[in-house]
N, C-alpha and C. Protein backbone atom coordinates (compact mmCIF):
# COMPACT_ATOMS: atom_id res chain seq x y z
N MET A 1 0.85 -1.17 0.00
CA MET A 1 0.00 0.00 0.00
C MET A 1 0.90 1.24 0.00
N SER A 2 0.61 2.19 -0.86
CA SER A 2 1.43 3.39 -0.94
C SER A 2 1.05 4.35 0.18
N VAL A 3 2.02 5.15 0.56
CA VAL A 3 1.77 6.14 1.59
C VAL A 3 1.22 7.39 0.91
N GLU A 4 0.01 7.75 1.27
CA GLU A 4 -0.65 8.92 0.71
C GLU A 4 -0.83 9.97 1.79
N ASP A 5 -1.02 11.21 1.34
CA ASP A 5 -1.36 12.26 2.28
C ASP A 5 -2.75 11.97 2.82
N PRO A 6 -2.99 12.31 4.09
CA PRO A 6 -4.34 12.08 4.63
C PRO A 6 -5.36 12.97 3.92
N VAL A 7 -6.57 12.46 3.80
CA VAL A 7 -7.67 13.23 3.23
C VAL A 7 -8.36 13.93 4.40
N VAL A 8 -8.46 15.26 4.31
CA VAL A 8 -8.96 16.07 5.42
C VAL A 8 -10.41 16.48 5.14
N PHE A 9 -11.25 16.33 6.16
CA PHE A 9 -12.65 16.72 6.09
C PHE A 9 -12.92 17.73 7.18
N SER A 10 -13.52 18.85 6.81
CA SER A 10 -13.80 19.91 7.79
C SER A 10 -15.19 19.73 8.38
N PHE A 11 -15.45 20.52 9.41
CA PHE A 11 -16.80 20.57 9.96
C PHE A 11 -17.69 21.35 9.01
N ARG A 12 -18.97 21.06 9.02
CA ARG A 12 -19.91 21.82 8.20
C ARG A 12 -20.02 23.24 8.74
N PRO A 13 -20.25 24.23 7.86
CA PRO A 13 -20.24 25.64 8.29
C PRO A 13 -21.27 25.97 9.37
N TRP A 14 -22.39 25.28 9.39
CA TRP A 14 -23.43 25.61 10.36
C TRP A 14 -22.99 25.35 11.80
N VAL A 15 -21.98 24.51 12.00
CA VAL A 15 -21.53 24.21 13.36
C VAL A 15 -20.98 25.48 14.01
N ARG A 16 -20.10 26.17 13.29
CA ARG A 16 -19.52 27.40 13.84
C ARG A 16 -20.55 28.52 13.90
N SER A 17 -21.37 28.65 12.86
CA SER A 17 -22.31 29.77 12.84
C SER A 17 -23.37 29.62 13.94
N THR A 18 -23.78 28.40 14.21
CA THR A 18 -24.74 28.16 15.29
C THR A 18 -24.13 28.52 16.65
N CYS A 19 -22.88 28.14 16.85
CA CYS A 19 -22.20 28.49 18.10
C CYS A 19 -22.03 30.00 18.23
N ARG A 20 -21.69 30.65 17.12
CA ARG A 20 -21.53 32.11 17.14
C ARG A 20 -22.85 32.79 17.52
N THR A 21 -23.95 32.35 16.92
CA THR A 21 -25.26 32.91 17.24
C THR A 21 -25.61 32.67 18.71
N ALA A 22 -25.38 31.48 19.18
CA ALA A 22 -25.67 31.16 20.59
C ALA A 22 -24.79 31.99 21.52
N MET A 23 -23.53 32.24 21.14
CA MET A 23 -22.66 33.08 21.97
C MET A 23 -23.18 34.51 22.04
N ILE A 24 -23.64 35.05 20.90
CA ILE A 24 -24.17 36.42 20.90
C ILE A 24 -25.39 36.51 21.81
N TRP A 25 -26.30 35.55 21.69
CA TRP A 25 -27.46 35.52 22.58
C TRP A 25 -27.01 35.32 24.03
N GLY A 26 -26.00 34.48 24.21
CA GLY A 26 -25.49 34.22 25.56
C GLY A 26 -24.93 35.48 26.21
N VAL A 27 -24.21 36.30 25.43
CA VAL A 27 -23.69 37.55 25.97
C VAL A 27 -24.84 38.45 26.39
N GLY A 28 -25.89 38.50 25.57
CA GLY A 28 -27.07 39.30 25.93
C GLY A 28 -27.73 38.82 27.21
N VAL A 29 -27.89 37.53 27.31
CA VAL A 29 -28.50 36.95 28.52
C VAL A 29 -27.60 37.21 29.73
N LEU A 30 -26.28 37.07 29.54
CA LEU A 30 -25.36 37.35 30.64
C LEU A 30 -25.45 38.80 31.08
N ALA A 31 -25.60 39.72 30.13
CA ALA A 31 -25.73 41.14 30.48
C ALA A 31 -26.99 41.37 31.30
N VAL A 32 -28.10 40.76 30.88
CA VAL A 32 -29.35 40.90 31.64
C VAL A 32 -29.21 40.28 33.02
N LEU A 33 -28.65 39.06 33.07
CA LEU A 33 -28.46 38.42 34.38
C LEU A 33 -27.50 39.20 35.25
N GLY A 34 -26.47 39.77 34.64
CA GLY A 34 -25.53 40.60 35.40
C GLY A 34 -26.22 41.81 35.99
N GLY A 35 -27.09 42.44 35.19
CA GLY A 35 -27.83 43.59 35.70
C GLY A 35 -28.75 43.22 36.85
N VAL A 36 -29.46 42.13 36.71
CA VAL A 36 -30.36 41.68 37.78
C VAL A 36 -29.54 41.27 39.01
N SER A 37 -28.41 40.58 38.76
CA SER A 37 -27.56 40.17 39.88
C SER A 37 -27.00 41.38 40.61
N TRP A 38 -26.73 42.45 39.87
CA TRP A 38 -26.22 43.67 40.49
C TRP A 38 -27.26 44.26 41.45
N LEU A 39 -28.53 44.17 41.03
CA LEU A 39 -29.59 44.68 41.90
C LEU A 39 -29.67 43.89 43.21
N PHE A 40 -29.42 42.60 43.12
CA PHE A 40 -29.48 41.72 44.30
C PHE A 40 -28.07 41.23 44.62
N ARG A 41 -27.10 42.12 44.66
CA ARG A 41 -25.69 41.74 44.69
C ARG A 41 -25.21 41.10 45.99
N SER A 42 -25.89 41.26 47.06
CA SER A 42 -25.42 40.69 48.32
C SER A 42 -26.30 39.51 48.70
N PRO A 43 -25.68 38.34 48.98
CA PRO A 43 -26.47 37.20 49.43
C PRO A 43 -27.23 37.48 50.73
N ASP A 44 -26.76 38.50 51.49
CA ASP A 44 -27.44 38.85 52.74
C ASP A 44 -28.80 39.49 52.47
N GLU A 45 -29.01 39.98 51.25
CA GLU A 45 -30.25 40.65 50.92
C GLU A 45 -31.35 39.68 50.50
N GLY A 46 -31.09 38.40 50.56
CA GLY A 46 -32.13 37.44 50.25
C GLY A 46 -31.67 36.36 49.29
N ALA A 47 -32.56 35.43 49.08
CA ALA A 47 -32.25 34.29 48.23
C ALA A 47 -32.10 34.68 46.76
N PHE A 48 -32.75 35.79 46.35
CA PHE A 48 -32.67 36.18 44.95
C PHE A 48 -31.25 36.55 44.54
N GLY A 49 -30.52 37.24 45.40
CA GLY A 49 -29.14 37.62 45.09
C GLY A 49 -28.27 36.41 44.87
N TRP A 50 -28.37 35.45 45.75
CA TRP A 50 -27.58 34.23 45.62
C TRP A 50 -28.01 33.45 44.39
N ALA A 51 -29.32 33.33 44.15
CA ALA A 51 -29.82 32.56 43.00
C ALA A 51 -29.37 33.17 41.68
N PHE A 52 -29.43 34.49 41.56
CA PHE A 52 -29.01 35.11 40.31
C PHE A 52 -27.50 35.01 40.12
N GLY A 53 -26.75 35.04 41.20
CA GLY A 53 -25.30 34.84 41.10
C GLY A 53 -24.97 33.45 40.59
N VAL A 54 -25.67 32.46 41.11
CA VAL A 54 -25.46 31.07 40.64
C VAL A 54 -25.87 30.94 39.18
N LEU A 55 -27.01 31.52 38.82
CA LEU A 55 -27.48 31.47 37.45
C LEU A 55 -26.51 32.16 36.50
N ALA A 56 -25.96 33.28 36.90
CA ALA A 56 -24.96 33.97 36.08
C ALA A 56 -23.71 33.12 35.91
N SER A 57 -23.31 32.41 36.94
CA SER A 57 -22.14 31.53 36.85
C SER A 57 -22.38 30.41 35.85
N TYR A 58 -23.56 29.80 35.89
CA TYR A 58 -23.89 28.75 34.93
C TYR A 58 -23.95 29.31 33.51
N ALA A 59 -24.47 30.50 33.35
CA ALA A 59 -24.52 31.12 32.03
C ALA A 59 -23.12 31.38 31.50
N ALA A 60 -22.22 31.83 32.35
CA ALA A 60 -20.83 32.06 31.94
C ALA A 60 -20.16 30.74 31.55
N LEU A 61 -20.41 29.68 32.29
CA LEU A 61 -19.86 28.37 31.96
C LEU A 61 -20.40 27.88 30.62
N PHE A 62 -21.68 28.10 30.36
CA PHE A 62 -22.29 27.74 29.08
C PHE A 62 -21.63 28.51 27.94
N LEU A 63 -21.38 29.79 28.16
CA LEU A 63 -20.74 30.63 27.14
C LEU A 63 -19.33 30.14 26.84
N VAL A 64 -18.58 29.79 27.87
CA VAL A 64 -17.23 29.25 27.67
C VAL A 64 -17.29 27.93 26.90
N SER A 65 -18.27 27.10 27.19
CA SER A 65 -18.44 25.83 26.47
C SER A 65 -18.72 26.08 24.99
N LEU A 66 -19.57 27.04 24.69
CA LEU A 66 -19.85 27.38 23.30
C LEU A 66 -18.62 27.91 22.58
N MET A 67 -17.83 28.71 23.29
CA MET A 67 -16.60 29.23 22.69
C MET A 67 -15.64 28.09 22.38
N LYS A 68 -15.58 27.10 23.25
CA LYS A 68 -14.71 25.94 23.01
C LYS A 68 -15.18 25.15 21.79
N ILE A 69 -16.47 24.94 21.66
CA ILE A 69 -17.01 24.22 20.49
C ILE A 69 -16.75 25.01 19.22
N TRP A 70 -16.96 26.33 19.26
CA TRP A 70 -16.71 27.18 18.10
C TRP A 70 -15.25 27.09 17.68
N TRP A 71 -14.34 27.12 18.64
CA TRP A 71 -12.91 27.04 18.34
C TRP A 71 -12.57 25.66 17.75
N THR A 72 -13.11 24.61 18.33
CA THR A 72 -12.84 23.26 17.85
C THR A 72 -13.37 23.06 16.44
N ALA A 73 -14.53 23.63 16.11
CA ALA A 73 -15.12 23.46 14.78
C ALA A 73 -14.32 24.16 13.69
N GLY A 74 -13.34 24.97 14.06
CA GLY A 74 -12.45 25.58 13.08
C GLY A 74 -11.33 24.65 12.65
N ARG A 75 -11.19 23.54 13.31
CA ARG A 75 -10.16 22.54 13.00
C ARG A 75 -10.77 21.46 12.11
N PRO A 76 -9.96 20.56 11.55
CA PRO A 76 -10.53 19.46 10.76
C PRO A 76 -11.41 18.55 11.60
N ALA A 77 -12.53 18.11 11.03
CA ALA A 77 -13.41 17.18 11.72
C ALA A 77 -12.83 15.77 11.69
N ALA A 78 -12.20 15.41 10.57
CA ALA A 78 -11.63 14.07 10.43
C ALA A 78 -10.52 14.10 9.37
N GLU A 79 -9.55 13.22 9.55
CA GLU A 79 -8.50 12.99 8.57
C GLU A 79 -8.38 11.49 8.39
N ILE A 80 -8.42 11.06 7.14
CA ILE A 80 -8.29 9.63 6.85
C ILE A 80 -6.94 9.41 6.19
N GLY A 81 -6.09 8.68 6.87
CA GLY A 81 -4.77 8.35 6.34
C GLY A 81 -4.74 6.90 5.88
N ASP A 82 -3.55 6.43 5.53
CA ASP A 82 -3.40 5.05 5.08
C ASP A 82 -3.61 4.04 6.20
N ARG A 83 -3.19 4.39 7.40
CA ARG A 83 -3.21 3.42 8.50
C ARG A 83 -4.20 3.74 9.61
N GLU A 84 -4.72 4.98 9.64
CA GLU A 84 -5.61 5.35 10.74
C GLU A 84 -6.56 6.46 10.33
N ILE A 85 -7.58 6.59 11.14
CA ILE A 85 -8.50 7.71 11.01
C ILE A 85 -8.32 8.57 12.26
N GLU A 86 -8.25 9.85 12.05
CA GLU A 86 -8.16 10.80 13.15
C GLU A 86 -9.42 11.64 13.11
N TYR A 87 -10.11 11.74 14.23
CA TYR A 87 -11.35 12.51 14.27
C TYR A 87 -11.34 13.43 15.48
N GLN A 88 -12.07 14.54 15.38
CA GLN A 88 -12.09 15.55 16.43
C GLN A 88 -13.49 15.64 17.03
N PRO A 89 -13.72 15.05 18.19
CA PRO A 89 -15.01 15.27 18.86
C PRO A 89 -15.12 16.74 19.28
N LEU A 90 -16.31 17.29 19.21
CA LEU A 90 -16.49 18.69 19.57
C LEU A 90 -16.26 18.95 21.06
N HIS A 91 -16.39 17.94 21.89
CA HIS A 91 -16.28 18.14 23.33
C HIS A 91 -14.87 17.92 23.87
N THR A 92 -13.90 17.56 23.02
CA THR A 92 -12.53 17.34 23.50
C THR A 92 -11.59 18.37 22.87
N PHE A 93 -10.41 18.52 23.47
CA PHE A 93 -9.44 19.48 22.96
C PHE A 93 -8.52 18.87 21.91
N SER A 94 -8.25 17.59 22.01
CA SER A 94 -7.33 16.97 21.06
C SER A 94 -8.05 15.91 20.24
N PRO A 95 -7.59 15.72 19.00
CA PRO A 95 -8.21 14.69 18.17
C PRO A 95 -7.89 13.29 18.68
N ARG A 96 -8.70 12.35 18.27
CA ARG A 96 -8.49 10.94 18.63
C ARG A 96 -8.15 10.16 17.37
N ARG A 97 -7.39 9.11 17.54
CA ARG A 97 -6.94 8.30 16.40
C ARG A 97 -7.35 6.85 16.60
N ILE A 98 -7.73 6.22 15.50
CA ILE A 98 -8.05 4.80 15.52
C ILE A 98 -7.32 4.16 14.34
N SER A 99 -6.52 3.16 14.63
CA SER A 99 -5.83 2.42 13.59
C SER A 99 -6.84 1.51 12.87
N PHE A 100 -6.73 1.44 11.56
CA PHE A 100 -7.64 0.58 10.79
C PHE A 100 -7.48 -0.89 11.18
N ASP A 101 -6.29 -1.27 11.64
CA ASP A 101 -6.06 -2.66 12.06
C ASP A 101 -6.87 -3.03 13.29
N ARG A 102 -7.28 -2.03 14.09
CA ARG A 102 -8.03 -2.29 15.31
C ARG A 102 -9.54 -2.24 15.11
N ILE A 103 -10.00 -1.83 13.93
CA ILE A 103 -11.44 -1.74 13.68
C ILE A 103 -11.97 -3.14 13.36
N LEU A 104 -12.92 -3.59 14.15
CA LEU A 104 -13.52 -4.92 13.95
C LEU A 104 -14.76 -4.84 13.07
N ALA A 105 -15.51 -3.75 13.20
CA ALA A 105 -16.74 -3.59 12.42
C ALA A 105 -17.05 -2.10 12.30
N CYS A 106 -17.82 -1.78 11.27
CA CYS A 106 -18.18 -0.39 11.02
C CYS A 106 -19.50 -0.37 10.28
N GLY A 107 -20.38 0.54 10.66
CA GLY A 107 -21.66 0.66 9.97
C GLY A 107 -22.49 1.77 10.57
N PRO A 108 -23.57 2.13 9.90
CA PRO A 108 -24.43 3.20 10.42
C PRO A 108 -25.15 2.75 11.68
N LYS A 109 -25.36 3.69 12.60
CA LYS A 109 -26.15 3.40 13.79
C LYS A 109 -27.60 3.69 13.45
N GLU A 110 -28.45 2.72 13.67
CA GLU A 110 -29.86 2.83 13.31
C GLU A 110 -30.52 4.04 13.95
N GLY A 111 -31.30 4.76 13.17
CA GLY A 111 -32.08 5.87 13.68
C GLY A 111 -31.29 7.15 13.91
N THR A 112 -30.02 7.17 13.54
CA THR A 112 -29.20 8.37 13.75
C THR A 112 -28.42 8.65 12.47
N GLU A 113 -27.71 9.74 12.49
CA GLU A 113 -26.80 10.06 11.40
C GLU A 113 -25.36 9.87 11.90
N SER A 114 -25.15 8.76 12.59
CA SER A 114 -23.85 8.44 13.17
C SER A 114 -23.29 7.17 12.55
N LEU A 115 -21.97 7.11 12.55
CA LEU A 115 -21.27 5.92 12.09
C LEU A 115 -20.73 5.22 13.32
N ARG A 116 -21.05 3.95 13.46
CA ARG A 116 -20.64 3.16 14.63
C ARG A 116 -19.42 2.33 14.26
N LEU A 117 -18.33 2.50 15.01
CA LEU A 117 -17.11 1.72 14.83
C LEU A 117 -16.92 0.84 16.06
N VAL A 118 -16.69 -0.43 15.86
CA VAL A 118 -16.34 -1.32 16.96
C VAL A 118 -14.83 -1.50 16.88
N VAL A 119 -14.16 -1.08 17.96
CA VAL A 119 -12.70 -1.03 17.98
C VAL A 119 -12.17 -2.01 19.00
N GLU A 120 -11.17 -2.78 18.58
CA GLU A 120 -10.53 -3.75 19.46
C GLU A 120 -9.74 -3.00 20.54
N GLY A 121 -10.01 -3.36 21.78
CA GLY A 121 -9.32 -2.72 22.90
C GLY A 121 -8.40 -3.69 23.60
N LEU A 122 -7.67 -3.19 24.59
CA LEU A 122 -6.76 -4.05 25.34
C LEU A 122 -7.52 -5.02 26.24
N ARG A 123 -8.54 -4.52 26.94
CA ARG A 123 -9.30 -5.36 27.86
C ARG A 123 -10.64 -5.80 27.27
N ARG A 124 -11.24 -4.92 26.48
CA ARG A 124 -12.53 -5.23 25.87
C ARG A 124 -12.70 -4.36 24.63
N ASP A 125 -13.58 -4.79 23.77
CA ASP A 125 -13.87 -4.00 22.57
C ASP A 125 -14.75 -2.83 22.98
N ARG A 126 -14.65 -1.74 22.24
CA ARG A 126 -15.47 -0.58 22.56
C ARG A 126 -16.09 -0.02 21.30
N GLU A 127 -17.14 0.74 21.48
CA GLU A 127 -17.83 1.38 20.37
C GLU A 127 -17.45 2.85 20.31
N VAL A 128 -17.23 3.34 19.12
CA VAL A 128 -16.98 4.75 18.88
C VAL A 128 -18.04 5.22 17.90
N LEU A 129 -18.68 6.33 18.21
CA LEU A 129 -19.70 6.89 17.31
C LEU A 129 -19.15 8.17 16.69
N LEU A 130 -19.18 8.25 15.37
CA LEU A 130 -18.79 9.46 14.66
C LEU A 130 -20.06 10.13 14.15
N ASN A 131 -20.26 11.38 14.50
CA ASN A 131 -21.44 12.13 14.08
C ASN A 131 -21.22 12.61 12.65
N LEU A 132 -21.88 11.97 11.70
CA LEU A 132 -21.72 12.32 10.29
C LEU A 132 -22.43 13.63 9.94
N ALA A 133 -23.36 14.07 10.76
CA ALA A 133 -24.12 15.29 10.47
C ALA A 133 -23.23 16.53 10.50
N VAL A 134 -22.12 16.49 11.22
CA VAL A 134 -21.27 17.67 11.32
C VAL A 134 -20.09 17.65 10.36
N ILE A 135 -19.93 16.58 9.58
CA ILE A 135 -18.81 16.47 8.66
C ILE A 135 -19.21 16.96 7.28
N ARG A 136 -18.45 17.91 6.75
CA ARG A 136 -18.70 18.40 5.39
C ARG A 136 -18.28 17.30 4.41
N ASN A 137 -19.07 17.13 3.35
CA ASN A 137 -18.83 16.10 2.32
C ASN A 137 -18.85 14.69 2.92
N LYS A 138 -19.89 14.39 3.69
CA LYS A 138 -19.94 13.11 4.40
C LYS A 138 -19.98 11.92 3.44
N HIS A 139 -20.55 12.08 2.25
CA HIS A 139 -20.59 10.95 1.31
C HIS A 139 -19.18 10.64 0.78
N ARG A 140 -18.41 11.68 0.51
CA ARG A 140 -17.02 11.48 0.10
C ARG A 140 -16.22 10.88 1.26
N PHE A 141 -16.52 11.32 2.47
CA PHE A 141 -15.88 10.78 3.67
C PHE A 141 -16.14 9.28 3.77
N LEU A 142 -17.40 8.87 3.57
CA LEU A 142 -17.75 7.45 3.65
C LEU A 142 -17.09 6.65 2.54
N ASP A 143 -17.00 7.22 1.34
CA ASP A 143 -16.31 6.53 0.23
C ASP A 143 -14.84 6.32 0.55
N GLU A 144 -14.17 7.36 1.02
CA GLU A 144 -12.74 7.26 1.38
C GLU A 144 -12.54 6.25 2.50
N LEU A 145 -13.38 6.32 3.52
CA LEU A 145 -13.27 5.39 4.64
C LEU A 145 -13.48 3.96 4.16
N GLY A 146 -14.46 3.75 3.29
CA GLY A 146 -14.71 2.41 2.76
C GLY A 146 -13.50 1.85 2.02
N GLU A 147 -12.84 2.67 1.22
CA GLU A 147 -11.63 2.22 0.52
C GLU A 147 -10.54 1.81 1.50
N ARG A 148 -10.37 2.60 2.55
CA ARG A 148 -9.32 2.32 3.54
C ARG A 148 -9.67 1.09 4.37
N LEU A 149 -10.95 0.90 4.68
CA LEU A 149 -11.36 -0.29 5.43
C LEU A 149 -11.15 -1.55 4.59
N ALA A 150 -11.45 -1.47 3.30
CA ALA A 150 -11.22 -2.62 2.41
C ALA A 150 -9.74 -2.94 2.33
N ALA A 151 -8.91 -1.91 2.24
CA ALA A 151 -7.46 -2.13 2.20
C ALA A 151 -6.95 -2.73 3.50
N ALA A 152 -7.65 -2.47 4.61
CA ALA A 152 -7.25 -3.00 5.91
C ALA A 152 -7.79 -4.41 6.16
N GLY A 153 -8.54 -4.96 5.20
CA GLY A 153 -9.00 -6.33 5.32
C GLY A 153 -10.43 -6.51 5.78
N LEU A 154 -11.21 -5.47 5.91
CA LEU A 154 -12.61 -5.60 6.28
C LEU A 154 -13.43 -5.90 5.04
N GLN A 155 -14.49 -6.69 5.23
CA GLN A 155 -15.37 -7.08 4.12
C GLN A 155 -16.66 -6.28 4.20
N ARG A 156 -17.14 -5.85 3.05
CA ARG A 156 -18.38 -5.08 3.00
C ARG A 156 -19.57 -6.02 2.90
N GLU A 157 -20.59 -5.75 3.73
CA GLU A 157 -21.85 -6.49 3.71
C GLU A 157 -22.97 -5.46 3.71
N GLY A 158 -23.38 -5.01 2.55
CA GLY A 158 -24.37 -3.94 2.46
C GLY A 158 -23.76 -2.62 2.87
N GLU A 159 -24.33 -2.00 3.91
CA GLU A 159 -23.78 -0.75 4.42
C GLU A 159 -22.78 -0.97 5.54
N ARG A 160 -22.53 -2.19 5.91
CA ARG A 160 -21.66 -2.50 7.06
C ARG A 160 -20.36 -3.14 6.59
N TRP A 161 -19.34 -2.94 7.41
CA TRP A 161 -18.03 -3.55 7.19
C TRP A 161 -17.70 -4.38 8.41
N SER A 162 -17.07 -5.54 8.19
CA SER A 162 -16.65 -6.36 9.34
C SER A 162 -15.50 -7.26 8.93
N ARG A 163 -14.84 -7.80 9.94
CA ARG A 163 -13.72 -8.73 9.71
C ARG A 163 -14.24 -10.14 9.63
């Protein structure tokens, strides 16, 4: 098998734009909550001051989470190389890699737009779900992945691949 450059797939544009919109609304909500919290700024003045402070803290945490997802969606969603697939979950900071030699089975998860990979582990096999809805050019992604799975020795049975 020849060594090729990995094929890179980005996130779909709506992932970042949705996060950006939610962040703008989040800043507005934080401003309103901040104003209300300012009115009830001392916990000694009643339960409302403490409650709005807690609510503002949760809103700030939500905003930071959205910023992290927006930043992550600017990176590649997946890269398919000769020997492994590298994918970036939106909730993690670093991409994850799976060697094609460790994939036991692959196929769509019923009722979702996810791809289910069964990966051989050290102690037990585990399932990995790739959200195809966020990958730009998902049909090309599936074609490339299918070629690499076939080269790794998996057999195609309809929409599923297995060893």
